[in-house]
Amino acid sequence: MVNRHQHSIRKSTLWILFISLMVSLNAQAATYATVSKNKVTRNELFQLQIITDQRASGDDVNFEQLKPDFFVNRPSFGTSTNIINGQRSVRSEWDVSIAATRTGVVTIPSFDINGEKTQPIAIQVVRDSMLPNTDDLIEIQSTLDKDTLYPDESTLFHVKMMVKINPRRLQDTKITPPSVDGMTLEAASDSEQHREIVNGLSVTVVQQTFRITALNPGRFSVTDPHFSSTLLYSGMNGETKVLSINTKSKEFPIQVMAKPTNYQGVWLPTSKLSLKQNWTDSQGKAISEDTATLKVGDSITRTIDLQIRGISQEKIPDLKITYPESLRVYQEKPQFKTLDNGDVVMTLKQVLIPNQSGQINLPGVSLNWWDTQKHRQRRTLLTGLVLSVAKGTPIDTVVTVPQSSTIPSTSQVVRVSDPGVWPYLTAVFALLWLMTAGLWLYSRRHNTHAEPTETPDSPKNSENLSLKEALQQQDGIRIQHLVQEQLVQMSLSPEERSAIECEVKKLQAAIYSSRQATYDPKSLLRLLAEANKQQKKRGKKSKETLQEL
């Protein structure tokens, strides 16, 4: 009986201990974490699951603490409520795919959920010999044109990125452009993308050129672009792996020299400079000699091309040329163009119109610059031109045409002692002139003639068409010549002529001025039409007065 009673007591004690242990385990297992594998290869995906018996939200677990030891995919969260036999229970669950980024023993840390913590989990990570390297997937090739500069000088930084896998397989791709401290960096070209065959492999190539400009002396460095992304692929045994791609950025040192103290002129550092010019007359023909002959009102065009390397457009100085006051100068806004090799070309066009006769010396051009290759100051010169200007129709003066010839108020008496046959010839010519005048008056009184009309082929109409064509093409020089030709043929008052010439000046200023101006030829055409109308009225009155005489 005693043994049976002791056995019953031991059995009850074990049952009580078992229930206590289960209660303890359940209490500890209220919040816990599990993994699908605890031995994986580097970059192999496996599942991490976190479960708690309390109501929670998706933000209660901070998965950022897994980084950088683990790649973390987007987690999923769910919560549910169950009622069994009147007992109500809550379950919250997080599921996320992760992959270890390094080999060795990597620990999943403890997670705190509303005061309850999970146990840390140790993961053994081994290296996969078949895992590709970053260079097998992404390769960046960068080159720097120059590593020694002067202040305000620039160099080109060429970047070529080769993607050796299908870009569609990449996720969360980020490309950080090159950077430099203490210098300015800007894009010198648009980003280009194309396909190339490299060692038999079709790769996607992305390339771009950047311009780096030095500011102050010192030592600096340019950092290569950085590429980061993730790649999902299947391993040899069918397991899914994720590869974090992060390229290593290289640095390119740059030495910026100090500006020389003995330099004179506007600071212009460059390794190559070319300054050229050409002269053309009003007909567009090139002038190859050192002298040119023209008339007042004619034009001559000077075109200067400055090609420079290692200088941005904003750093190129203005070419200021002082011309004599006997010239009117129309200068177009400088035009800039960047060549494929990075050189910048500035084109300056000037139209010169002499308004005085005589010899005019057009000045040359002198430009100082610092040769960054030979480290010395140099000077580039352009020769001038000598103009031999003959009298013509001045631009700034009013040309008046006399309407009638005046007879001298005094007469000179010539005495001839032996007139000979001249008196008789004079009498004959006088008689013939009287007969001709009589016949002309008779025909004017008995015959009515229509006023002459301008046909499309008449010279006047042809001039108007040429002028309209020149106005449409904004050819300022041709406009000047055509208007002057019409003014010479018309008898206008000084006020009328001045108004027309003033309008021509406005049009030329709009065409050739470096400032933006409105170009409207309607006012000039209206003034010319009114002048032609007044010219016809004056001609008609003159004919009626002759008939009455």
Protein backbone atom coordinates (compact mmCIF):
# COMPACT_ATOMS: atom_id res chain seq x y z
CA MET A 1 0.00 0.00 0.00
CA VAL A 2 2.85 2.33 0.90
CA ASN A 3 4.62 1.69 -2.40
CA ARG A 4 1.41 2.23 -4.35
CA HIS A 5 0.83 5.52 -2.51
CA GLN A 6 4.41 6.71 -3.13
CA HIS A 7 4.07 5.82 -6.81
CA SER A 8 0.88 7.84 -7.03
CA ILE A 9 2.58 10.82 -5.37
CA ARG A 10 5.56 10.61 -7.81
CA LYS A 11 3.19 10.42 -10.78
CA SER A 12 1.26 13.48 -9.61
CA THR A 13 4.52 15.38 -9.05
CA LEU A 14 5.78 14.57 -12.57
CA TRP A 15 2.49 15.66 -14.07
CA ILE A 16 2.61 18.92 -12.16
CA LEU A 17 6.22 19.50 -13.34
CA PHE A 18 5.24 18.73 -16.96
CA ILE A 19 2.36 21.16 -16.85
CA SER A 20 4.59 23.83 -15.31
CA LEU A 21 7.21 23.23 -17.99
CA MET A 22 4.62 23.52 -20.75
CA VAL A 23 3.26 26.71 -19.25
CA SER A 24 6.81 28.05 -19.05
CA LEU A 25 7.53 27.07 -22.63
CA ASN A 26 4.31 28.61 -23.84
CA ALA A 27 5.12 31.76 -21.95
CA GLN A 28 8.59 31.90 -23.55
CA ALA A 29 7.30 31.01 -26.99
CA ALA A 30 4.78 33.88 -27.07
CA THR A 31 7.23 35.87 -29.32
CA TYR A 32 9.87 34.01 -31.30
CA ALA A 33 11.83 33.90 -34.59
CA THR A 34 12.55 30.96 -36.90
CA VAL A 35 14.56 30.44 -40.12
CA SER A 36 14.12 27.99 -42.97
CA LYS A 37 17.90 27.22 -42.95
CA ASN A 38 20.71 27.85 -40.54
CA LYS A 39 23.49 26.79 -42.95
CA VAL A 40 23.55 28.58 -46.30
CA THR A 41 25.93 29.84 -48.97
CA ARG A 42 26.68 33.51 -49.35
CA ASN A 43 23.90 35.39 -51.18
CA GLU A 44 21.53 32.41 -50.90
CA LEU A 45 17.96 33.39 -50.07
CA PHE A 46 16.22 31.84 -47.04
CA GLN A 47 13.15 32.72 -45.01
CA LEU A 48 13.03 34.51 -41.67
CA GLN A 49 9.75 34.34 -39.75
CA ILE A 50 8.81 36.30 -36.61
CA ILE A 51 5.64 35.40 -34.68
CA THR A 52 3.98 36.98 -31.64
CA ASP A 53 0.68 36.28 -29.81
CA GLN A 54 -0.15 39.96 -29.41
CA ARG A 55 -1.80 42.38 -31.73
CA ALA A 56 0.84 44.38 -33.62
CA SER A 57 1.42 46.43 -36.75
CA GLY A 58 3.84 45.93 -39.62
CA ASP A 59 6.11 48.74 -38.39
CA ASP A 60 6.72 47.12 -34.99
CA VAL A 61 9.68 45.14 -36.37
CA ASN A 62 12.71 47.06 -37.63
CA PHE A 63 14.40 44.91 -40.27
CA GLU A 64 17.01 47.61 -40.97
CA GLN A 65 19.13 46.16 -38.14
CA LEU A 66 19.83 43.15 -40.37
CA LYS A 67 21.93 45.33 -42.67
CA PRO A 68 24.70 45.24 -43.82
CA ASP A 69 25.22 41.58 -42.92
CA PHE A 70 22.07 40.54 -44.76
CA PHE A 71 20.29 41.49 -47.92
CA VAL A 72 16.66 42.14 -46.95
CA ASN A 73 13.75 41.79 -49.33
CA ARG A 74 10.40 43.47 -48.83
CA PRO A 75 8.71 41.89 -45.75
CA SER A 76 5.10 40.73 -45.61
CA PHE A 77 2.91 41.11 -42.50
CA GLY A 78 -0.33 39.55 -41.39
CA THR A 79 -2.41 39.37 -38.19
CA SER A 80 -5.34 37.07 -37.32
CA THR A 81 -7.79 36.46 -34.49
CA ASN A 82 -8.98 32.91 -33.60
CA ILE A 83 -11.78 31.85 -31.21
CA ILE A 84 -11.71 28.16 -30.17
CA ASN A 85 -14.08 26.85 -27.45
CA GLY A 86 -14.68 30.38 -26.34
CA GLN A 87 -10.97 31.09 -26.05
CA ARG A 88 -9.80 34.13 -28.03
CA SER A 89 -6.21 34.21 -29.43
CA VAL A 90 -4.30 36.72 -31.57
CA ARG A 91 -1.41 35.97 -33.93
CA SER A 92 0.85 38.46 -35.73
CA GLU A 93 3.42 37.22 -38.24
CA TRP A 94 6.24 38.71 -40.33
CA ASP A 95 7.82 36.86 -43.26
CA VAL A 96 10.88 38.17 -45.12
CA SER A 97 13.47 36.75 -47.54
CA ILE A 98 17.06 37.46 -46.54
CA ALA A 99 20.53 36.48 -47.75
CA ALA A 100 23.87 36.71 -46.00
CA THR A 101 26.36 39.06 -47.65
CA ARG A 102 29.52 37.63 -46.03
CA THR A 103 30.89 34.27 -45.04
CA GLY A 104 31.42 32.91 -41.54
CA VAL A 105 29.01 32.84 -38.62
CA VAL A 106 26.52 35.64 -39.08
CA THR A 107 23.99 36.31 -36.33
CA ILE A 108 20.40 37.38 -36.82
CA PRO A 109 19.89 39.87 -33.96
CA SER A 110 17.09 39.88 -31.41
CA PHE A 111 13.91 41.75 -32.31
CA ASP A 112 11.93 43.72 -29.71
CA ILE A 113 8.15 43.68 -30.19
CA ASN A 114 6.29 45.77 -27.64
CA GLY A 115 8.64 44.73 -24.84
CA GLU A 116 9.01 41.07 -25.86
CA LYS A 117 12.22 39.94 -27.54
CA THR A 118 13.14 37.09 -29.85
CA GLN A 119 16.22 34.96 -29.41
CA PRO A 120 19.24 35.66 -31.66
CA ILE A 121 19.90 33.05 -34.35
CA ALA A 122 23.39 32.09 -35.56
CA ILE A 123 23.70 31.35 -39.29
CA GLN A 124 26.68 29.52 -40.78
CA VAL A 125 27.54 30.98 -44.17
CA VAL A 126 29.97 29.38 -46.62
CA ARG A 127 31.32 30.70 -49.91
CA ASP A 128 29.86 29.57 -53.22
CA SER A 129 32.71 28.87 -55.66
CA MET A 130 30.36 29.38 -58.59
CA LEU A 131 29.36 32.86 -57.47
CA PRO A 132 30.25 35.50 -60.13
CA ASN A 133 32.37 38.52 -59.27
CA THR A 134 31.13 42.08 -59.64
CA ASP A 135 33.55 42.68 -62.53
CA ASP A 136 31.93 39.74 -64.35
CA LEU A 137 28.63 41.63 -64.27
CA ILE A 138 29.45 45.37 -64.28
CA GLU A 139 32.62 47.09 -65.44
CA ILE A 140 33.36 50.83 -65.32
CA GLN A 141 36.17 52.33 -67.40
CA SER A 142 37.06 55.98 -66.76
CA THR A 143 39.76 58.18 -68.29
CA LEU A 144 40.96 61.70 -67.44
CA ASP A 145 42.41 63.82 -70.25
CA LYS A 146 44.73 65.89 -68.03
CA ASP A 147 45.84 65.58 -64.42
CA THR A 148 47.62 68.97 -64.23
CA LEU A 149 45.57 72.15 -64.60
CA TYR A 150 45.65 75.88 -63.94
CA PRO A 151 42.83 77.93 -62.37
CA ASP A 152 39.91 78.35 -64.84
CA GLU A 153 41.31 75.57 -67.02
CA SER A 154 39.15 72.49 -67.56
CA THR A 155 39.63 68.90 -68.60
CA LEU A 156 37.33 66.13 -69.78
CA PHE A 157 36.48 63.04 -67.73
CA HIS A 158 35.18 60.16 -69.88
CA VAL A 159 33.06 57.44 -68.24
CA LYS A 160 32.14 54.15 -69.90
CA MET A 161 29.97 51.62 -68.05
CA MET A 162 29.50 48.10 -69.46
CA VAL A 163 26.57 46.00 -68.18
CA LYS A 164 27.33 42.38 -69.07
CA ILE A 165 23.95 40.93 -68.04
CA ASN A 166 20.40 41.65 -69.03
CA PRO A 167 19.50 44.94 -67.33
CA ARG A 168 15.96 43.67 -66.76
CA ARG A 169 17.28 41.20 -64.20
CA LEU A 170 18.64 44.01 -62.03
CA GLN A 171 16.61 45.46 -59.17
CA ASP A 172 16.95 48.68 -57.16
CA THR A 173 19.65 50.02 -59.45
CA LYS A 174 21.36 53.23 -58.36
CA ILE A 175 24.10 55.05 -60.26
CA THR A 176 26.02 57.76 -58.43
CA PRO A 177 27.72 60.18 -60.88
CA PRO A 178 31.39 61.14 -60.50
CA SER A 179 32.22 63.75 -57.89
CA VAL A 180 35.05 66.11 -56.99
CA ASP A 181 35.63 68.50 -54.08
CA GLY A 182 37.08 71.96 -54.63
CA MET A 183 36.39 71.95 -58.38
CA THR A 184 33.32 72.26 -60.60
CA LEU A 185 31.97 69.26 -62.48
CA GLU A 186 29.27 69.40 -65.14
CA ALA A 187 28.04 67.21 -67.96
CA ALA A 188 29.82 67.92 -71.25
CA SER A 189 27.65 65.54 -73.28
CA ASP A 190 24.39 63.67 -73.07
CA SER A 191 24.32 60.13 -71.76
CA GLU A 192 24.48 57.60 -74.61
CA GLN A 193 23.42 53.96 -74.50
CA HIS A 194 24.13 51.31 -77.13
CA ARG A 195 25.15 47.68 -77.58
CA GLU A 196 28.69 46.43 -78.17
CA ILE A 197 30.36 43.06 -78.66
CA VAL A 198 33.19 42.63 -76.09
CA ASN A 199 35.14 39.36 -76.30
CA GLY A 200 32.19 37.75 -78.06
CA LEU A 201 29.73 38.92 -75.37
CA SER A 202 26.92 41.35 -76.18
CA VAL A 203 26.98 44.05 -73.48
CA THR A 204 25.00 47.22 -72.81
CA VAL A 205 27.27 50.29 -72.85
CA VAL A 206 26.39 53.57 -71.15
CA GLN A 207 28.88 56.41 -71.62
CA GLN A 208 29.06 60.10 -70.88
CA THR A 209 31.68 62.87 -70.76
CA PHE A 210 32.03 65.38 -67.91
CA ARG A 211 33.90 68.69 -67.81
CA ILE A 212 35.98 69.42 -64.69
CA THR A 213 37.10 73.03 -64.15
CA ALA A 214 39.79 74.06 -61.68
CA LEU A 215 39.15 76.94 -59.29
CA ASN A 216 42.06 77.27 -56.88
CA PRO A 217 45.57 75.81 -56.65
CA GLY A 218 46.03 72.58 -54.71
CA ARG A 219 45.69 68.80 -54.89
CA PHE A 220 42.31 67.31 -55.68
CA SER A 221 40.85 64.00 -56.80
CA VAL A 222 37.94 62.90 -58.96
CA THR A 223 35.90 59.92 -57.79
CA ASP A 224 34.66 57.34 -60.25
CA PRO A 225 30.91 56.72 -60.63
CA HIS A 226 29.41 54.12 -58.29
CA PHE A 227 26.99 51.42 -59.40
CA SER A 228 24.81 49.47 -56.97
CA SER A 229 22.05 46.95 -57.68
CA THR A 230 20.79 43.48 -56.80
CA LEU A 231 20.58 40.44 -59.03
CA LEU A 232 18.35 37.37 -58.51
CA TYR A 233 19.53 34.11 -60.09
CA SER A 234 19.34 30.35 -59.61
CA GLY A 235 22.27 28.36 -58.19
CA MET A 236 23.62 25.00 -59.29
CA ASN A 237 21.19 23.09 -57.05
CA GLY A 238 18.19 25.18 -58.04
CA GLU A 239 18.33 27.46 -55.01
CA THR A 240 17.52 31.12 -55.52
CA LYS A 241 20.34 33.52 -54.77
CA VAL A 242 20.57 37.27 -54.58
CA LEU A 243 23.77 39.06 -55.45
CA SER A 244 24.45 42.57 -54.20
CA ILE A 245 26.41 44.45 -56.86
CA ASN A 246 28.58 47.33 -55.64
CA THR A 247 31.39 48.61 -57.78
CA LYS A 248 34.55 50.00 -56.22
CA SER A 249 35.04 53.65 -57.12
CA LYS A 250 38.52 54.70 -58.21
CA GLU A 251 40.06 58.09 -57.57
CA PHE A 252 41.98 60.18 -60.11
CA PRO A 253 44.35 62.80 -58.60
CA ILE A 254 44.54 66.29 -60.14
CA GLN A 255 47.22 68.90 -59.44
CA VAL A 256 46.16 72.54 -59.91
CA MET A 257 49.10 74.89 -60.44
CA ALA A 258 49.13 78.48 -59.19
CA LYS A 259 48.58 81.34 -61.61
CA PRO A 260 51.96 82.87 -62.59
CA THR A 261 52.56 86.28 -61.05
CA ASN A 262 54.26 87.76 -64.15
CA TYR A 263 51.33 87.06 -66.50
CA GLN A 264 49.92 90.10 -68.31
CA GLY A 265 46.48 90.53 -69.83
CA VAL A 266 43.20 88.70 -69.36
CA TRP A 267 43.88 85.29 -67.79
CA LEU A 268 43.41 82.62 -70.45
CA PRO A 269 45.00 79.21 -69.70
CA THR A 270 44.83 76.65 -72.51
CA SER A 271 46.90 73.93 -74.09
CA LYS A 272 45.87 74.88 -77.66
CA LEU A 273 44.57 78.10 -79.20
CA SER A 274 43.82 79.02 -82.81
CA LEU A 275 42.72 82.48 -84.01
CA LYS A 276 41.69 82.97 -87.65
CA GLN A 277 39.86 85.60 -89.67
CA ASN A 278 38.54 86.23 -93.18
CA TRP A 279 37.36 89.36 -94.99
CA THR A 280 34.57 89.48 -97.60
CA ASP A 281 33.12 92.32 -99.63
CA SER A 282 29.43 93.17 -100.06
CA GLN A 283 29.14 90.54 -102.80
CA GLY A 284 30.50 87.78 -100.57
CA LYS A 285 33.86 87.56 -102.38
CA ALA A 286 36.93 86.89 -100.24
CA ILE A 287 39.53 89.62 -99.82
CA SER A 288 42.98 88.08 -99.82
CA GLU A 289 45.14 91.23 -100.09
CA ASP A 290 46.20 93.60 -97.31
CA THR A 291 44.20 96.42 -98.90
CA ALA A 292 40.69 96.77 -100.27
CA THR A 293 39.06 99.44 -102.44
CA LEU A 294 35.42 100.43 -101.97
CA LYS A 295 33.09 103.41 -101.89
CA VAL A 296 31.35 105.23 -99.10
CA GLY A 297 28.27 103.20 -98.14
CA ASP A 298 29.75 99.89 -99.30
CA SER A 299 30.22 97.17 -96.72
CA ILE A 300 32.93 94.76 -95.74
CA THR A 301 32.45 91.75 -93.43
CA ARG A 302 35.02 90.52 -90.92
CA THR A 303 34.60 87.00 -89.50
CA ILE A 304 36.84 85.88 -86.61
CA ASP A 305 37.04 82.26 -85.40
CA LEU A 306 38.61 81.53 -82.01
CA GLN A 307 39.16 77.81 -81.29
CA ILE A 308 40.35 77.01 -77.78
CA ARG A 309 40.92 73.84 -75.76
CA GLY A 310 40.38 73.28 -72.05
CA ILE A 311 38.23 76.38 -71.53
CA SER A 312 34.48 76.43 -71.05
CA GLN A 313 32.30 78.81 -73.03
CA GLU A 314 31.76 81.08 -70.03
CA LYS A 315 35.52 81.60 -69.55
CA ILE A 316 36.26 82.75 -73.13
CA PRO A 317 36.96 86.52 -73.09
CA ASP A 318 35.23 89.01 -75.36
CA LEU A 319 37.20 90.25 -78.37
CA LYS A 320 36.92 94.02 -78.10
CA ILE A 321 38.12 95.84 -81.23
CA THR A 322 38.19 99.65 -81.40
CA TYR A 323 37.42 100.88 -84.91
CA PRO A 324 37.83 104.44 -86.30
CA GLU A 325 34.85 106.79 -86.13
CA SER A 326 34.78 106.87 -89.93
CA LEU A 327 33.19 103.39 -89.81
CA ARG A 328 29.79 102.18 -88.81
CA VAL A 329 30.10 98.78 -87.10
CA TYR A 330 27.35 96.16 -86.86
CA GLN A 331 28.37 93.19 -84.71
CA GLU A 332 26.41 89.98 -84.39
CA LYS A 333 26.14 88.10 -81.12
CA PRO A 334 29.07 85.63 -80.81
CA GLN A 335 28.17 82.06 -81.79
CA PHE A 336 29.62 79.10 -79.86
CA LYS A 337 30.09 75.50 -80.93
CA THR A 338 31.63 72.53 -79.12
CA LEU A 339 33.58 70.07 -81.26
CA ASP A 340 33.75 66.32 -80.73
CA ASN A 341 37.18 66.61 -79.09
CA GLY A 342 35.86 69.11 -76.53
CA ASP A 343 37.32 72.24 -78.16
CA VAL A 344 35.08 75.32 -78.09
CA VAL A 345 34.85 77.52 -81.20
CA MET A 346 33.63 81.12 -80.91
CA THR A 347 32.65 82.86 -84.16
CA LEU A 348 32.39 86.66 -84.23
CA LYS A 349 30.97 88.43 -87.31
CA GLN A 350 31.22 92.19 -87.88
CA VAL A 351 29.86 94.27 -90.77
CA LEU A 352 31.86 97.46 -91.38
CA ILE A 353 30.48 100.34 -93.49
CA PRO A 354 32.67 103.41 -94.13
CA ASN A 355 30.90 106.78 -94.05
CA GLN A 356 33.88 108.88 -95.11
CA SER A 357 36.21 108.76 -98.06
CA GLY A 358 39.95 108.38 -97.79
CA GLN A 359 42.25 105.78 -96.31
CA ILE A 360 40.96 103.89 -93.28
CA ASN A 361 43.18 101.52 -91.30
CA LEU A 362 41.27 98.64 -89.75
CA PRO A 363 43.02 97.47 -86.54
CA GLY A 364 44.35 93.99 -85.92
CA VAL A 365 43.59 91.72 -82.96
CA SER A 366 46.02 90.75 -80.19
CA LEU A 367 45.23 87.99 -77.67
CA ASN A 368 47.43 86.95 -74.74
CA TRP A 369 47.15 83.42 -73.35
CA TRP A 370 49.01 81.02 -71.06
CA ASP A 371 50.38 77.88 -72.70
CA THR A 372 49.65 75.17 -70.11
CA GLN A 373 51.77 72.64 -72.00
CA LYS A 374 54.98 74.71 -72.14
CA HIS A 375 54.14 76.79 -69.05
CA ARG A 376 54.81 80.17 -70.63
CA GLN A 377 52.90 83.22 -71.86
CA ARG A 378 52.16 83.52 -75.56
CA ARG A 379 50.48 86.04 -77.87
CA THR A 380 48.43 85.41 -81.00
CA LEU A 381 47.97 88.21 -83.54
CA LEU A 382 45.61 88.94 -86.42
CA THR A 383 46.59 91.57 -88.98
CA GLY A 384 44.35 94.47 -89.91
CA LEU A 385 43.25 95.76 -93.30
CA VAL A 386 43.75 99.06 -95.15
CA LEU A 387 40.64 100.45 -96.87
CA SER A 388 40.89 102.86 -99.75
CA VAL A 389 37.44 104.50 -99.73
CA ALA A 390 36.24 106.55 -102.69
CA LYS A 391 33.43 109.10 -102.55
CA GLY A 392 29.96 107.70 -102.71
CA THR A 393 26.62 108.07 -101.03
CA PRO A 394 27.35 108.65 -97.34
CA ILE A 395 25.21 106.76 -94.87
CA ASP A 396 24.78 109.50 -92.30
CA THR A 397 24.29 112.44 -94.76
CA VAL A 398 21.30 113.43 -96.80
CA VAL A 399 21.85 113.41 -100.54
CA THR A 400 19.72 115.97 -102.38
CA VAL A 401 19.24 116.00 -106.11
CA PRO A 402 18.71 119.47 -107.69
CA GLN A 403 15.22 119.70 -109.19
CA SER A 404 16.07 122.29 -111.86
CA SER A 405 19.13 123.94 -113.30
CA THR A 406 19.59 127.60 -112.56
CA ILE A 407 20.83 130.12 -115.16
CA PRO A 408 23.73 132.29 -114.08
CA SER A 409 22.60 135.78 -113.17
CA THR A 410 25.50 137.37 -115.06
CA SER A 411 26.32 136.91 -118.74
CA GLN A 412 29.60 137.28 -120.50
CA VAL A 413 29.81 139.26 -123.82
CA VAL A 414 32.27 137.99 -126.40
CA ARG A 415 33.26 140.30 -129.21
CA VAL A 416 34.13 138.71 -132.58
CA SER A 417 35.71 140.84 -135.30
CA ASP A 418 35.24 138.29 -138.11
CA PRO A 419 32.22 136.02 -137.46
CA GLY A 420 32.68 134.02 -140.66
CA VAL A 421 30.06 131.29 -141.39
CA TRP A 422 28.96 130.78 -137.75
CA PRO A 423 26.13 133.38 -137.78
CA TYR A 424 24.51 131.66 -140.76
CA LEU A 425 24.77 128.18 -139.19
CA THR A 426 23.29 129.57 -136.00
CA ALA A 427 20.33 131.00 -137.89
CA VAL A 428 19.70 127.68 -139.65
CA PHE A 429 19.75 125.69 -136.35
CA ALA A 430 17.43 128.27 -134.75
CA LEU A 431 14.96 127.91 -137.60
CA LEU A 432 15.01 124.12 -137.39
CA TRP A 433 14.45 124.28 -133.59
CA LEU A 434 11.41 126.55 -134.05
CA MET A 435 9.90 124.18 -136.62
CA THR A 436 10.44 121.17 -134.33
CA ALA A 437 8.91 122.97 -131.35
CA GLY A 438 5.88 123.94 -133.39
CA LEU A 439 5.26 120.38 -134.56
CA TRP A 440 5.60 119.09 -130.99
CA LEU A 441 3.04 121.59 -129.64
CA TYR A 442 0.65 120.73 -132.45
CA SER A 443 0.87 117.01 -131.73
CA ARG A 444 0.40 117.57 -127.97
CA ARG A 445 -2.83 119.51 -128.56
CA HIS A 446 -4.40 117.08 -131.00
CA ASN A 447 -3.31 113.73 -129.57
CA THR A 448 -4.07 112.41 -126.08
CA HIS A 449 -1.66 109.80 -124.70
CA ALA A 450 -2.26 107.54 -121.73
CA GLU A 451 -0.02 107.82 -118.69
CA PRO A 452 2.77 105.22 -118.74
CA THR A 453 2.14 102.30 -116.39
CA GLU A 454 4.64 100.12 -114.65
CA THR A 455 4.76 96.60 -116.02
CA PRO A 456 6.10 93.59 -114.13
CA ASP A 457 9.24 93.79 -116.23
CA SER A 458 9.81 97.51 -115.66
CA PRO A 459 13.00 98.52 -113.81
CA LYS A 460 10.99 100.19 -111.04
CA ASN A 461 8.94 97.09 -110.29
CA SER A 462 12.08 94.95 -110.43
CA GLU A 463 13.70 97.17 -107.78
CA ASN A 464 10.68 96.76 -105.50
CA LEU A 465 10.79 92.98 -105.83
CA SER A 466 14.53 92.93 -105.08
CA LEU A 467 14.02 95.13 -102.03
CA LYS A 468 11.22 92.91 -100.67
CA GLU A 469 13.42 89.87 -101.17
CA ALA A 470 16.32 91.53 -99.31
CA LEU A 471 13.96 92.52 -96.47
CA GLN A 472 12.68 88.98 -96.22
CA GLN A 473 16.24 87.58 -96.06
CA GLN A 474 17.29 90.31 -93.57
CA ASP A 475 20.25 91.22 -95.80
CA GLY A 476 21.15 94.58 -94.31
CA ILE A 477 23.83 95.46 -96.83
CA ARG A 478 21.62 94.75 -99.83
CA ILE A 479 18.78 96.73 -98.25
CA GLN A 480 21.11 99.72 -97.90
CA HIS A 481 22.14 99.65 -101.59
CA LEU A 482 18.63 99.16 -102.99
CA VAL A 483 17.14 101.98 -100.93
CA GLN A 484 19.97 104.34 -101.90
CA GLU A 485 19.39 103.55 -105.58
CA GLN A 486 15.71 104.47 -105.25
CA LEU A 487 16.49 107.68 -103.34
CA VAL A 488 18.87 108.86 -106.07
CA GLN A 489 16.07 108.52 -108.65
CA MET A 490 13.53 110.46 -106.60
CA SER A 491 13.26 114.18 -105.81
CA LEU A 492 12.37 114.22 -102.12
CA SER A 493 12.33 116.83 -99.43
CA PRO A 494 15.02 116.62 -96.74
CA GLU A 495 12.38 115.54 -94.23
CA GLU A 496 11.17 112.66 -96.42
CA ARG A 497 14.69 111.49 -97.20
CA SER A 498 15.75 111.70 -93.54
CA ALA A 499 12.75 109.61 -92.42
CA ILE A 500 13.58 106.85 -94.92
CA GLU A 501 17.28 106.77 -94.02
CA CYS A 502 16.42 106.73 -90.31
CA GLU A 503 14.23 103.67 -90.88
CA VAL A 504 17.06 101.93 -92.78
CA LYS A 505 19.35 102.52 -89.80
CA LYS A 506 16.78 100.95 -87.46
CA LEU A 507 16.55 97.85 -89.65
CA GLN A 508 20.33 97.49 -89.82
CA ALA A 509 20.58 97.87 -86.06
CA ALA A 510 18.02 95.10 -85.64
CA ILE A 511 19.93 92.84 -88.05
CA TYR A 512 23.52 93.43 -86.92
CA SER A 513 23.26 94.59 -83.32
CA SER A 514 24.35 92.17 -80.58
CA ARG A 515 21.27 93.23 -78.60
CA GLN A 516 17.96 91.66 -79.44
CA ALA A 517 15.80 94.11 -81.43
CA THR A 518 12.49 93.90 -83.25
CA TYR A 519 12.80 93.58 -87.03
CA ASP A 520 9.76 95.11 -88.81
CA PRO A 521 10.20 96.32 -92.44
CA LYS A 522 6.59 97.59 -92.78
CA SER A 523 7.50 101.15 -91.82
CA LEU A 524 10.23 101.35 -94.48
CA LEU A 525 7.96 99.96 -97.19
CA ARG A 526 5.23 102.42 -96.22
CA LEU A 527 7.61 105.40 -96.42
CA LEU A 528 8.94 104.30 -99.82
CA ALA A 529 5.40 103.83 -101.15
CA GLU A 530 4.42 107.33 -100.01
CA ALA A 531 7.61 108.76 -101.55
CA ASN A 532 6.86 107.08 -104.90
CA LYS A 533 3.30 108.42 -104.75
CA GLN A 534 4.51 111.97 -104.11
CA GLN A 535 7.09 111.59 -106.89
CA LYS A 536 4.34 110.71 -109.39
CA LYS A 537 2.24 113.72 -108.31
CA ARG A 538 5.19 116.08 -108.76
CA GLY A 539 5.91 114.61 -112.21
CA LYS A 540 2.27 115.02 -113.30
CA LYS A 541 2.16 118.68 -112.20
CA SER A 542 5.41 119.35 -114.08
CA LYS A 543 3.94 117.90 -117.34
CA GLU A 544 0.71 119.94 -116.99
CA THR A 545 2.73 123.14 -116.53
CA LEU A 546 4.73 122.47 -119.75
CA GLN A 547 1.52 121.93 -121.73
CA GLU A 548 0.13 125.29 -120.61
CA LEU A 549 3.31 126.98 -121.73
